[in-house]
Every structure is written in structure tokens, then in C-alpha cells.
């Protein structure tokens, strides 16, 4: 059974930091590209960051320079370090695993991040 379990969300003040984690099980983690998406109320889901098996990363324009994605292949975990958080970063953050050369695609249940005073 495939599971992606996010953790680390919460309430933080503007300018603060959070680190999200996504623990994967039931997949060959090393052959999956991992992505973080987010969805704010009334908005479409948007790509925040991705990291390929070899470590290549890419970021959405709104988070470049503030967020860092990383992965620990030994522990089947992907992280999202979020710094200098802004109220507009408030959203539910979702972890996604997409097989590099296949169609398998999995989602986590999401974790809420709220940036507010």
C-alpha cells in the first residue's frame, strides 16, 4: 500500500519558518520525482517545488529564494524548508510522487500552513 504522509504544517507569523516533511512508503522512492504543491481557498492548486531523483530542483516563481526542497533517499522522505513566510503562503500543502518513467502518481493528504499574526 502506497502512503505519502505529510507533517510539519501549522501556524506561523509572517517572516517565520517551517519545515514540511513527506514520508513515503510502498514505492521505490529513488525512481520518483517528488513535488510539493499548494492550494489556497478559492485558488487552483499550484506547483511549489520539485526535486528529481538525481537532485535537480525547480521552484515556483513566488517561492524562489525563500523555499528549499530536498530529499533523503535512504529514508524515503522529501522536505520543504520554508523561510521568510508571507501571508500569501497560507494554503494546504500536498506532497506528490510521480514515477520517472511510468504513470504511477500518488498524493498525500495535505498539511495546513497558515501565516498570520
Protein backbone atom coordinates (compact mmCIF):
# COMPACT_ATOMS: atom_id res chain seq x y z
CA UNK A 1 0.00 0.00 0.00
CA UNK A 2 1.38 3.36 -1.06
CA UNK A 3 1.35 6.14 1.50
CA UNK A 4 2.63 9.70 1.45
CA UNK A 5 2.34 11.27 4.88
CA UNK A 6 2.98 14.99 5.26
CA UNK A 7 3.81 16.67 8.53
CA UNK A 8 5.19 19.93 9.84
CA UNK A 9 2.41 22.33 8.99
CA UNK A 10 1.00 24.84 11.43
CA UNK A 11 0.53 28.46 12.31
CA UNK A 12 3.49 30.81 11.95
CA UNK A 13 3.92 34.56 11.97
CA UNK A 14 4.99 36.45 8.84
CA UNK A 15 8.74 36.23 8.40
CA UNK A 16 8.88 32.89 10.21
CA UNK A 17 9.95 29.45 9.05
CA UNK A 18 8.52 25.97 8.83
CA UNK A 19 9.83 22.68 7.54
CA UNK A 20 7.44 20.25 5.95
CA UNK A 21 8.20 16.55 5.66
CA UNK A 22 6.68 13.89 3.45
CA UNK A 23 7.42 10.28 4.32
CA UNK A 24 6.80 7.81 1.52
CA UNK A 25 6.16 4.09 1.84
CA UNK A 26 5.20 1.39 -0.61
CA UNK A 27 7.09 2.89 -3.56
CA UNK A 28 10.59 2.70 -4.97
CA UNK A 29 11.32 6.20 -3.75
CA UNK A 30 14.55 6.60 -5.70
CA UNK A 31 12.81 6.44 -9.09
CA UNK A 32 10.19 9.06 -8.32
CA UNK A 33 10.23 12.78 -8.88
CA UNK A 34 8.87 14.43 -5.73
CA UNK A 35 6.85 17.61 -5.81
CA UNK A 36 5.21 19.93 -3.33
CA UNK A 37 2.01 21.64 -4.41
CA UNK A 38 -0.22 24.02 -2.51
CA UNK A 39 -3.81 25.12 -2.75
CA UNK A 40 -5.26 28.19 -1.12
CA UNK A 41 -9.02 28.64 -0.64
CA UNK A 42 -10.68 29.61 -3.91
CA UNK A 43 -7.48 29.13 -5.92
CA UNK A 44 -6.11 26.46 -8.19
CA UNK A 45 -3.50 24.03 -6.96
CA UNK A 46 -0.03 25.32 -7.86
CA UNK A 47 3.38 23.73 -8.05
CA UNK A 48 5.69 24.96 -5.31
CA UNK A 49 8.84 22.91 -5.93
CA UNK A 50 10.12 19.68 -7.40
CA UNK A 51 13.18 17.50 -6.96
CA UNK A 52 14.19 14.76 -9.34
CA UNK A 53 15.91 11.53 -8.40
CA UNK A 54 19.35 12.94 -9.14
CA UNK A 55 18.75 16.07 -7.11
CA UNK A 56 17.75 18.57 -9.78
CA UNK A 57 15.37 21.13 -8.29
CA UNK A 58 12.97 23.72 -9.61
CA UNK A 59 10.72 26.24 -7.89
CA UNK A 60 7.64 28.28 -8.50
CA UNK A 61 8.39 31.96 -9.04
CA UNK A 62 6.58 33.02 -5.88
CA UNK A 63 8.82 30.95 -3.61
CA UNK A 64 12.23 31.20 -5.29
CA UNK A 65 14.90 32.24 -2.84
CA UNK A 66 12.70 31.50 0.17
CA UNK A 67 11.88 27.79 -0.06
CA UNK A 68 14.24 24.84 -0.41
CA UNK A 69 13.26 21.33 -1.39
CA UNK A 70 15.45 18.36 -0.51
CA UNK A 71 15.19 14.60 -0.34
CA UNK A 72 16.65 11.78 1.73
CA UNK A 73 16.53 8.69 -0.44
CA UNK A 74 17.77 6.45 2.37
CA UNK A 75 14.76 7.38 4.48
CA UNK A 76 12.21 7.85 1.66
CA UNK A 77 11.50 11.39 2.75
CA UNK A 78 11.21 14.72 0.99
CA UNK A 79 11.40 18.05 2.79
CA UNK A 80 10.32 21.60 2.12
CA UNK A 81 12.15 24.25 4.12
CA UNK A 82 10.09 27.43 4.05
CA UNK A 83 11.70 30.69 5.18
CA UNK A 84 10.54 34.30 5.17
CA UNK A 85 6.95 33.15 5.10
CA UNK A 86 4.27 35.54 3.90
CA UNK A 87 0.51 35.56 4.47
CA UNK A 88 0.06 34.62 0.82
CA UNK A 89 1.88 31.34 1.51
CA UNK A 90 -1.15 30.24 3.50
CA UNK A 91 -2.50 27.07 1.89
CA UNK A 92 -2.82 23.35 2.20
CA UNK A 93 0.48 21.84 1.07
CA UNK A 94 0.44 18.50 -0.72
CA UNK A 95 3.22 16.04 -1.42
CA UNK A 96 3.24 14.28 -4.79
CA UNK A 97 5.25 11.35 -6.11
CA UNK A 98 5.43 10.77 -9.87
CA UNK A 99 7.26 7.83 -11.36
CA UNK A 100 10.10 8.97 -13.64
CA UNK A 101 9.37 6.52 -16.46
CA UNK A 102 5.86 5.39 -15.83
CA UNK A 103 2.38 6.53 -15.00
CA UNK A 104 2.28 5.93 -11.26
CA UNK A 105 1.32 9.10 -9.43
CA UNK A 106 0.47 9.47 -5.76
CA UNK A 107 -0.69 12.23 -3.43
CA UNK A 108 -0.52 12.83 0.28
CA UNK A 109 -3.44 14.03 2.35
CA UNK A 110 -2.10 17.57 2.74
CA UNK A 111 -0.94 19.67 5.66
CA UNK A 112 -2.22 23.14 6.50
CA UNK A 113 0.18 26.07 6.63
CA UNK A 114 -1.19 29.33 7.98
CA UNK A 115 0.91 32.51 8.00
CA UNK A 116 -0.75 35.13 10.16
CA UNK A 117 -0.29 37.47 13.08
